[in-house]
Protein backbone atom coordinates (compact mmCIF):
# COMPACT_ATOMS: atom_id res chain seq x y z
CA MET A 1 40.16 17.15 15.30
CA GLY A 2 38.39 20.41 14.49
CA THR A 3 41.04 22.36 16.43
CA VAL A 4 43.86 20.67 14.52
CA VAL A 5 42.23 21.45 11.17
CA HIS A 6 41.63 25.05 12.20
CA VAL A 7 45.25 25.58 13.33
CA LEU A 8 46.61 24.04 10.14
CA LEU A 9 44.43 26.30 8.00
CA VAL A 10 45.51 29.38 9.94
CA VAL A 11 49.15 28.46 9.36
CA VAL A 12 48.80 27.77 5.64
CA THR A 13 46.36 30.59 4.83
CA PRO A 14 49.04 33.02 3.53
CA LEU A 15 50.39 30.31 1.21
CA LEU A 16 46.90 29.31 0.02
CA LYS A 17 46.09 32.93 -0.85
CA LEU A 18 49.15 32.99 -3.10
CA VAL A 19 48.67 29.56 -4.68
CA VAL A 20 44.86 29.69 -5.02
CA PRO A 21 43.87 33.35 -5.40
CA GLY A 22 40.31 34.11 -4.42
CA TRP A 23 39.79 30.85 -2.51
CA ASP A 24 38.24 32.85 0.33
CA ILE A 25 39.95 30.80 3.01
CA GLU A 26 39.38 33.68 5.43
CA GLN A 27 35.62 33.20 5.12
CA ARG A 28 36.07 29.48 5.73
CA LEU A 29 37.75 30.48 8.98
CA GLY A 30 34.81 32.69 9.93
CA ARG A 31 36.26 36.03 8.91
CA PHE A 32 33.92 38.26 6.94
CA PRO A 33 35.75 41.60 6.66
CA GLU A 34 33.16 42.89 4.15
CA ILE A 35 30.41 42.70 6.77
CA VAL A 36 29.84 46.15 8.20
CA ARG A 37 27.00 46.09 10.71
CA ASP A 38 24.69 49.02 10.86
CA ASP A 39 23.16 48.92 14.33
CA ARG A 40 20.00 50.53 12.93
CA SER A 41 19.30 47.56 10.62
CA ARG A 42 18.73 43.91 11.39
CA LEU A 43 20.85 41.31 9.62
CA ILE A 44 19.48 37.97 8.48
CA TRP A 45 22.02 35.24 7.74
CA ILE A 46 20.70 32.77 5.14
CA HIS A 47 22.64 29.60 4.48
CA ALA A 48 22.20 27.65 1.23
CA ALA A 49 24.09 24.59 0.00
CA SER A 50 24.63 25.44 -3.65
CA ILE A 51 23.00 26.82 -6.80
CA GLY A 52 19.57 25.25 -6.30
CA GLU A 53 19.16 26.64 -2.80
CA VAL A 54 20.45 30.03 -4.00
CA GLN A 55 17.36 30.23 -6.23
CA ALA A 56 15.15 29.76 -3.17
CA ALA A 57 17.17 32.32 -1.22
CA ARG A 58 16.85 34.81 -4.05
CA VAL A 59 13.05 34.82 -4.03
CA LEU A 60 12.95 34.84 -0.22
CA ILE A 61 15.24 37.86 -0.02
CA SER A 62 13.16 39.64 -2.64
CA ALA A 63 9.95 38.96 -0.69
CA LEU A 64 11.49 40.21 2.56
CA ALA A 65 12.96 43.30 0.91
CA GLU A 66 9.48 44.22 -0.31
CA GLN A 67 8.41 44.53 3.33
CA GLN A 68 10.76 47.55 3.65
CA CYS A 69 11.70 46.67 7.20
CA GLY A 70 15.34 47.64 6.81
CA PHE A 71 16.73 44.10 6.78
CA SER A 72 20.22 43.41 5.50
CA PHE A 73 21.34 39.98 4.35
CA LEU A 74 24.33 37.66 4.35
CA LEU A 75 24.00 34.63 2.07
CA THR A 76 26.52 31.84 2.50
CA THR A 77 26.93 28.74 0.35
CA MET A 78 29.01 25.58 0.60
CA THR A 79 30.30 25.78 -2.98
CA ARG A 80 32.19 28.43 -4.89
CA GLN A 81 29.84 28.03 -7.85
CA GLY A 82 26.92 28.74 -5.57
CA LYS A 83 28.58 31.89 -4.32
CA GLU A 84 29.37 33.07 -7.85
CA VAL A 85 25.78 32.57 -8.98
CA ALA A 86 24.49 34.33 -5.85
CA SER A 87 26.81 37.29 -6.43
CA SER A 88 25.67 37.58 -10.05
CA GLN A 89 21.93 37.27 -9.36
CA LEU A 90 21.39 39.05 -6.07
CA GLU A 91 21.30 42.77 -5.44
CA ALA A 92 24.66 44.38 -4.82
CA ASP A 93 23.81 45.16 -1.19
CA VAL A 94 23.42 41.44 -0.37
CA CYS A 95 26.72 40.13 0.96
CA CYS A 96 27.59 36.70 -0.49
CA GLY A 97 30.22 34.45 1.03
CA LEU A 98 31.34 30.91 1.68
CA ALA A 99 30.15 29.19 4.82
CA PRO A 100 32.63 28.81 7.67
CA LEU A 101 34.05 25.42 8.47
CA ASP A 102 31.91 23.62 11.04
CA THR A 103 34.58 23.86 13.74
CA PRO A 104 34.18 25.61 17.11
CA GLN A 105 36.73 28.30 16.28
CA ALA A 106 35.47 29.14 12.79
CA VAL A 107 31.82 29.22 13.84
CA ALA A 108 32.54 31.33 16.93
CA LYS A 109 34.54 33.81 14.84
CA ALA A 110 31.78 33.99 12.21
CA LEU A 111 29.04 34.65 14.75
CA GLN A 112 31.19 37.25 16.48
CA THR A 113 31.88 39.03 13.18
CA VAL A 114 28.44 38.80 11.58
CA ARG A 115 26.30 39.16 14.75
CA PRO A 116 23.13 38.04 12.94
CA ASP A 117 19.68 38.84 14.25
CA MET A 118 18.37 35.63 12.67
CA TYR A 119 19.87 32.51 11.10
CA ILE A 120 17.97 30.67 8.35
CA CYS A 121 18.84 27.21 7.04
CA LEU A 122 17.48 26.20 3.64
CA GLU A 123 16.41 22.61 2.99
CA THR A 124 18.69 20.20 4.94
CA GLU A 125 21.80 22.21 5.73
CA LEU A 126 22.11 20.93 9.29
CA TRP A 127 25.67 21.68 10.44
CA PRO A 128 25.99 20.57 14.10
CA MET A 129 28.46 23.14 15.41
CA MET A 130 26.78 26.03 13.61
CA LEU A 131 23.35 25.12 14.95
CA THR A 132 24.64 24.50 18.47
CA ARG A 133 26.59 27.74 18.77
CA THR A 134 23.81 29.78 17.18
CA ARG A 135 21.25 28.37 19.64
CA GLN A 136 23.60 28.99 22.57
CA ALA A 137 24.00 32.60 21.44
CA GLY A 138 20.23 33.06 21.62
CA ILE A 139 19.93 33.85 17.90
CA PRO A 140 16.48 32.94 16.48
CA MET A 141 16.65 30.17 13.88
CA LEU A 142 14.31 28.99 11.15
CA LEU A 143 14.53 26.05 8.77
CA LEU A 144 12.82 27.04 5.53
CA ASN A 145 12.02 25.05 2.40
CA GLY A 146 12.76 22.03 4.53
CA ARG A 147 12.93 18.63 2.95
CA MET A 148 14.00 15.28 4.32
CA SER A 149 14.45 12.23 2.11
CA GLU A 150 13.58 8.79 3.40
CA ARG A 151 17.24 7.79 3.11
CA SER A 152 18.50 10.79 5.08
CA CYS A 153 15.85 10.28 7.74
CA THR A 154 16.87 6.64 8.20
CA GLN A 155 20.49 7.68 8.66
CA TYR A 156 19.64 10.49 11.09
CA LEU A 157 17.45 8.16 13.17
CA ARG A 158 20.63 6.37 14.23
CA ILE A 159 21.58 9.54 16.12
CA ARG A 160 18.06 10.63 17.04
CA LYS A 161 19.00 12.19 20.40
CA THR A 162 21.68 14.34 18.77
CA MET A 163 19.27 15.35 16.02
CA ALA A 164 16.56 16.23 18.54
CA ASP A 165 19.02 18.50 20.34
CA LEU A 166 20.00 20.22 17.09
CA LEU A 167 16.41 20.64 15.91
CA SER A 168 15.32 22.05 19.27
CA GLY A 169 17.05 25.32 18.40
CA PHE A 170 14.67 26.08 15.54
CA ALA A 171 11.72 28.32 16.32
CA GLY A 172 9.93 27.04 13.24
CA PHE A 173 10.10 24.68 10.28
CA ALA A 174 8.59 25.42 6.88
CA VAL A 175 8.60 22.08 5.05
CA ILE A 176 7.79 21.31 1.45
CA ARG A 177 5.51 18.27 1.88
CA GLU A 178 3.60 16.49 4.61
CA GLN A 179 6.13 13.64 4.41
CA ASP A 180 8.97 16.06 5.15
CA GLY A 181 7.18 17.28 8.26
CA GLU A 182 6.53 13.75 9.46
CA ARG A 183 10.21 12.87 9.06
CA TYR A 184 11.37 15.93 10.98
CA CYS A 185 8.90 14.98 13.71
CA SER A 186 10.36 11.47 13.87
CA LEU A 187 13.78 13.05 14.48
CA GLY A 188 12.51 15.05 17.44
CA ALA A 189 11.23 18.32 15.96
CA ALA A 190 8.15 19.69 17.73
CA GLY A 191 5.09 19.14 15.56
CA SER A 192 3.61 22.45 16.68
CA ARG A 193 6.52 24.27 15.05
CA ILE A 194 6.12 22.62 11.64
CA ARG A 195 4.17 24.19 8.79
CA VAL A 196 3.73 22.71 5.30
CA CYS A 197 4.35 25.59 2.90
CA GLY A 198 5.43 24.17 -0.46
CA ASN A 199 8.70 24.76 -2.28
CA MET A 200 10.04 28.28 -2.75
CA LYS A 201 12.11 27.12 -5.71
CA TYR A 202 8.87 26.44 -7.54
CA ASP A 203 7.46 29.89 -6.79
CA LEU A 204 9.98 31.69 -8.96
CA GLN A 205 8.10 34.73 -10.16
CA VAL A 206 9.36 35.87 -13.54
CA GLN A 207 10.34 39.53 -13.51
CA GLU A 208 10.16 41.22 -16.93
CA PRO A 209 9.63 38.00 -18.94
CA GLU A 210 9.46 39.83 -22.26
CA ARG A 211 12.85 41.46 -21.64
CA ILE A 212 14.44 38.11 -20.80
CA GLN A 213 12.97 36.37 -23.84
CA THR A 214 14.04 39.24 -26.10
CA LYS A 215 17.54 39.09 -24.62
CA TYR A 216 18.05 35.46 -25.67
CA GLN A 217 16.37 35.94 -29.03
CA GLN A 218 18.98 38.58 -29.77
CA ILE A 219 21.95 36.69 -28.34
CA LEU A 220 21.03 33.51 -30.24
CA ASN A 221 19.86 35.25 -33.43
CA LEU A 222 16.61 33.34 -33.29
CA GLU A 223 14.28 33.33 -36.25
CA ASN A 224 12.07 30.32 -36.95
CA GLU A 225 14.25 27.57 -35.49
CA ILE A 226 12.94 24.94 -33.12
CA ILE A 227 14.88 25.18 -29.84
CA PHE A 228 15.88 21.96 -28.07
CA ILE A 229 17.52 22.66 -24.70
CA CYS A 230 19.26 19.99 -22.63
CA GLY A 231 19.90 21.54 -19.23
CA SER A 232 22.01 20.38 -16.27
CA THR A 233 23.42 17.42 -18.20
CA ARG A 234 25.68 15.05 -16.31
CA ASN A 235 28.49 12.70 -17.27
CA GLY A 236 27.48 10.49 -20.21
CA GLU A 237 24.17 12.18 -20.96
CA GLU A 238 25.33 14.22 -23.94
CA LYS A 239 26.35 11.01 -25.71
CA LEU A 240 22.94 9.53 -24.98
CA LEU A 241 21.23 12.67 -26.28
CA LEU A 242 23.12 12.83 -29.58
CA PRO A 243 20.73 10.41 -31.38
CA VAL A 244 17.78 12.45 -30.11
CA TYR A 245 19.28 15.62 -31.58
CA LYS A 246 19.95 13.90 -34.91
CA ARG A 247 16.46 12.47 -35.08
CA LEU A 248 14.81 15.80 -34.27
CA HIS A 249 17.11 17.59 -36.70
CA ASN A 250 15.96 15.32 -39.51
CA LYS A 251 12.32 15.95 -38.60
CA THR A 252 12.55 19.74 -38.58
CA ALA A 253 12.20 21.64 -41.83
CA ALA A 254 12.57 25.05 -40.14
CA GLY A 255 15.91 24.12 -38.58
CA LEU A 256 16.83 22.94 -35.09
CA LEU A 257 19.00 24.71 -32.53
CA TRP A 258 20.44 22.38 -29.88
CA ILE A 259 21.54 24.05 -26.65
CA ILE A 260 23.60 22.01 -24.16
CA ALA A 261 24.12 23.24 -20.59
CA PRO A 262 26.38 20.89 -18.58
CA ARG A 263 25.69 20.88 -14.85
CA HIS A 264 29.39 21.35 -14.08
CA LEU A 265 31.60 23.62 -16.16
CA GLU A 266 34.66 21.44 -15.60
CA ARG A 267 33.03 18.97 -17.98
CA LEU A 268 33.15 21.39 -20.92
CA PRO A 269 36.31 19.83 -22.44
CA GLU A 270 34.64 16.40 -22.33
CA VAL A 271 31.52 17.67 -24.12
CA ARG A 272 33.58 19.58 -26.68
CA THR A 273 35.59 16.45 -27.40
CA LEU A 274 32.37 14.49 -27.98
CA LEU A 275 30.97 17.09 -30.39
CA ASN A 276 34.28 17.33 -32.24
CA SER A 277 34.46 13.53 -32.58
CA GLU A 278 31.02 13.60 -34.22
CA GLY A 279 32.06 16.35 -36.62
CA LEU A 280 29.48 18.71 -35.10
CA GLU A 281 30.27 22.41 -35.13
CA TYR A 282 29.12 24.54 -32.21
CA ASP A 283 29.31 27.99 -30.62
CA LEU A 284 29.99 28.80 -27.00
CA LEU A 285 27.37 31.04 -25.41
CA SER A 286 30.12 33.51 -24.50
CA SER A 287 31.04 33.89 -28.17
CA CYS A 288 27.35 34.26 -29.10
CA MET A 289 27.13 37.17 -26.67
CA ALA A 290 30.14 38.84 -28.26
CA GLN A 291 29.75 37.97 -31.94
CA GLY A 292 26.33 36.41 -32.43
CA ARG A 293 25.45 32.79 -33.10
CA LYS A 294 26.78 31.11 -36.25
CA LYS A 295 26.22 27.40 -35.59
CA ASN A 296 23.20 25.23 -34.84
CA ILE A 297 24.60 23.90 -31.57
CA VAL A 298 25.37 26.15 -28.59
CA LEU A 299 27.35 24.99 -25.57
CA ILE A 300 26.71 26.97 -22.37
CA ASP A 301 30.04 27.92 -20.79
CA SER A 302 28.86 30.09 -17.88
CA MET A 303 26.92 29.49 -14.68
CA GLY A 304 23.55 30.97 -13.78
CA GLU A 305 22.13 31.25 -17.32
CA LEU A 306 20.01 28.13 -17.52
CA SER A 307 17.01 29.13 -15.41
CA GLU A 308 16.33 32.09 -17.72
CA LEU A 309 17.58 30.40 -20.88
CA TYR A 310 14.70 27.93 -20.65
CA SER A 311 12.49 30.84 -21.73
CA ALA A 312 13.88 30.45 -25.24
CA GLY A 313 13.28 26.70 -25.45
CA ASP A 314 10.47 24.92 -27.24
CA TYR A 315 11.42 21.48 -25.96
CA ASN A 316 13.27 21.59 -22.64
CA PHE A 317 14.93 18.44 -21.29
CA CYS A 318 16.18 18.42 -17.69
CA GLY A 319 19.35 16.39 -17.19
CA GLY A 320 20.77 14.30 -14.41
CA SER A 321 17.79 12.04 -15.13
CA LEU A 322 18.92 9.71 -17.93
CA VAL A 323 21.83 8.69 -15.70
CA ASP A 324 21.44 7.90 -12.01
CA LYS A 325 22.25 11.35 -10.60
CA GLY A 326 18.97 12.16 -8.84
CA GLY A 327 17.66 14.61 -11.42
CA HIS A 328 17.42 18.40 -11.27
CA ASN A 329 14.76 21.07 -10.81
CA ILE A 330 12.19 20.28 -13.49
CA MET A 331 10.04 23.23 -12.41
CA GLU A 332 12.42 25.78 -13.94
CA PRO A 333 11.07 25.28 -17.50
CA ILE A 334 7.51 25.15 -16.13
CA ARG A 335 7.64 28.73 -14.93
CA TRP A 336 8.11 29.79 -18.56
CA GLN A 337 4.84 28.02 -19.41
CA LYS A 338 6.72 25.31 -21.28
CA PRO A 339 6.40 21.55 -20.70
CA VAL A 340 9.43 19.68 -19.40
CA TYR A 341 10.90 16.33 -20.42
CA PHE A 342 13.04 14.18 -18.13
CA GLY A 343 14.34 10.66 -17.61
CA PRO A 344 13.67 7.92 -15.04
CA PHE A 345 16.21 8.95 -12.39
CA MET A 346 14.51 11.70 -10.36
CA LYS A 347 14.84 10.54 -6.75
CA ASP A 348 15.88 14.00 -5.48
CA PHE A 349 12.82 15.74 -6.97
CA GLN A 350 9.97 13.30 -6.47
CA ASP A 351 7.67 16.06 -5.25
CA ALA A 352 8.19 17.96 -8.50
CA VAL A 353 7.70 14.78 -10.55
CA GLU A 354 4.33 14.20 -8.89
CA LEU A 355 3.32 17.80 -9.59
CA VAL A 356 4.21 17.89 -13.27
CA LEU A 357 2.96 14.41 -14.16
CA SER A 358 -0.38 14.83 -12.39
CA SER A 359 -0.93 18.20 -14.10
CA GLY A 360 0.10 17.08 -17.59
CA ALA A 361 2.90 19.65 -17.68
CA GLY A 362 5.76 17.17 -17.83
CA PHE A 363 6.74 13.95 -19.54
CA GLN A 364 8.91 11.28 -17.94
CA VAL A 365 10.64 8.85 -20.33
CA LYS A 366 12.55 5.66 -19.66
CA ASP A 367 15.21 6.26 -22.33
CA THR A 368 16.24 8.46 -25.26
CA ASP A 369 14.02 6.60 -27.74
CA GLU A 370 10.99 7.55 -25.66
CA LEU A 371 12.31 11.11 -25.35
CA ALA A 372 12.57 11.48 -29.11
CA ASP A 373 9.11 9.91 -29.50
CA ALA A 374 7.55 12.34 -27.00
CA ILE A 375 9.06 15.44 -28.59
CA THR A 376 8.31 14.24 -32.12
CA ALA A 377 4.68 13.69 -31.14
CA HIS A 378 4.47 17.29 -29.96
CA MET A 379 6.17 18.56 -33.11
CA GLU A 380 3.64 16.74 -35.27
CA ASN A 381 0.63 17.68 -33.14
CA PRO A 382 0.76 21.39 -32.20
CA GLN A 383 -2.57 21.17 -30.37
CA LEU A 384 -1.16 18.49 -28.06
CA TYR A 385 1.89 20.66 -27.44
CA GLN A 386 -0.20 23.75 -26.70
CA LYS A 387 -2.29 21.75 -24.25
CA ALA A 388 0.92 20.85 -22.38
CA CYS A 389 1.95 24.52 -22.40
CA ARG A 390 -1.39 25.51 -20.85
CA SER A 391 -0.92 22.83 -18.19
CA ALA A 392 2.53 24.24 -17.43
CA GLU A 393 1.05 27.72 -17.06
CA GLU A 394 -1.63 26.47 -14.66
CA LEU A 395 0.92 24.56 -12.60
CA ALA A 396 3.23 27.56 -12.32
CA ARG A 397 0.34 29.68 -11.06
CA SER A 398 -0.65 27.04 -8.52
CA GLN A 399 2.74 27.36 -6.82
CA GLU A 400 2.39 31.08 -6.23
CA GLY A 401 2.34 32.00 -2.56
CA THR A 402 4.90 29.53 -1.18
CA VAL A 403 7.47 32.29 -0.79
CA ARG A 404 5.00 34.62 0.91
CA ARG A 405 4.04 31.97 3.46
CA GLN A 406 7.67 31.43 4.43
CA ALA A 407 8.50 35.13 4.40
CA ASP A 408 5.61 35.61 6.83
CA MET A 409 7.27 33.17 9.23
CA VAL A 410 10.42 35.29 9.13
CA MET A 411 8.50 38.50 9.74
CA GLN A 412 6.57 37.02 12.64
CA LEU A 413 9.70 35.74 14.36
CA MET A 414 11.56 39.01 13.83
CA ALA A 415 8.63 40.86 15.42
CA ALA A 416 8.51 38.54 18.44
């Protein structure tokens, strides 16, 4: 089947390049013409799924670059959005591409072209052909920031022998929690190779925080407004959040700025239609950058802004949590020493939920009424709000070092 797919793609590639410019079908087939190997440097291939894993890759690459060991990097993602964010956020000398199809031909071509000195998987990106061919080529492999949900583990246990073979190629596993390590062990990973290191995505050191905050103050023409950010919203959440905005707006004498950042940009027309139907005027962030903000609602129409945009927020809500979408990374507002608010559906980020709730840095609500109540309570009691901000600061500091621990694993294996 893989051969048939590969042949079909080879045949239709010229047509696809005309019909869908920039689709990077050549990279999907394992061709990376932009990779120019310098035999004096060592190349590390890091594979991430999408935008969330790109954030982890970004801090890992930064930590490794600080070692000044002459490493070069290829970062591949499964999604085009992930690649675009990586290209915009990483240094220009980091090559960003789309992962090859997991077929024998595409993987073999990619390994032949890239010739990596190490291959790193982030989280649970376990592609069978890629892992098999990389192991057979004798290329050292690490799984970093590893996580394994109970559901995924149950499914993988049905093919435990296959999973044990795939996992045997990894020289080491850096997992987020003890439970993740136990689940990898149950699938056949050697316990001696597993190290609990924490989550790199939560060790996002802020570079030049004052510059970033000043940047958004200028773009958004901020004065004394209260800033309510709803980030990574999913289908249906904006409609649920409208009453919260209206209630907070009525409570705020200084004025309220509502910022909406949909998780997927293709939903922008849907959100615009909703705002228009309510008679609510808004600016797009792109127009704010060009002409300044004029309205009290801003709709984010570009990728990669949200993680830094949270720096401008007073009350930051993390979406994908009022609807059953698994939630999103609630630690991103925490790193700006701001508390985070989120809904009941957080199955993909339970480790983060435990961290923020136990520290007092986050507030989980069952619905929008509770969300409005929680934010209103903080508006009316500044001391309570400042206490939550201090808790967020302490939590952010407690996560420092997770990147260094995983970067050390890379350095040790490269030196072996």
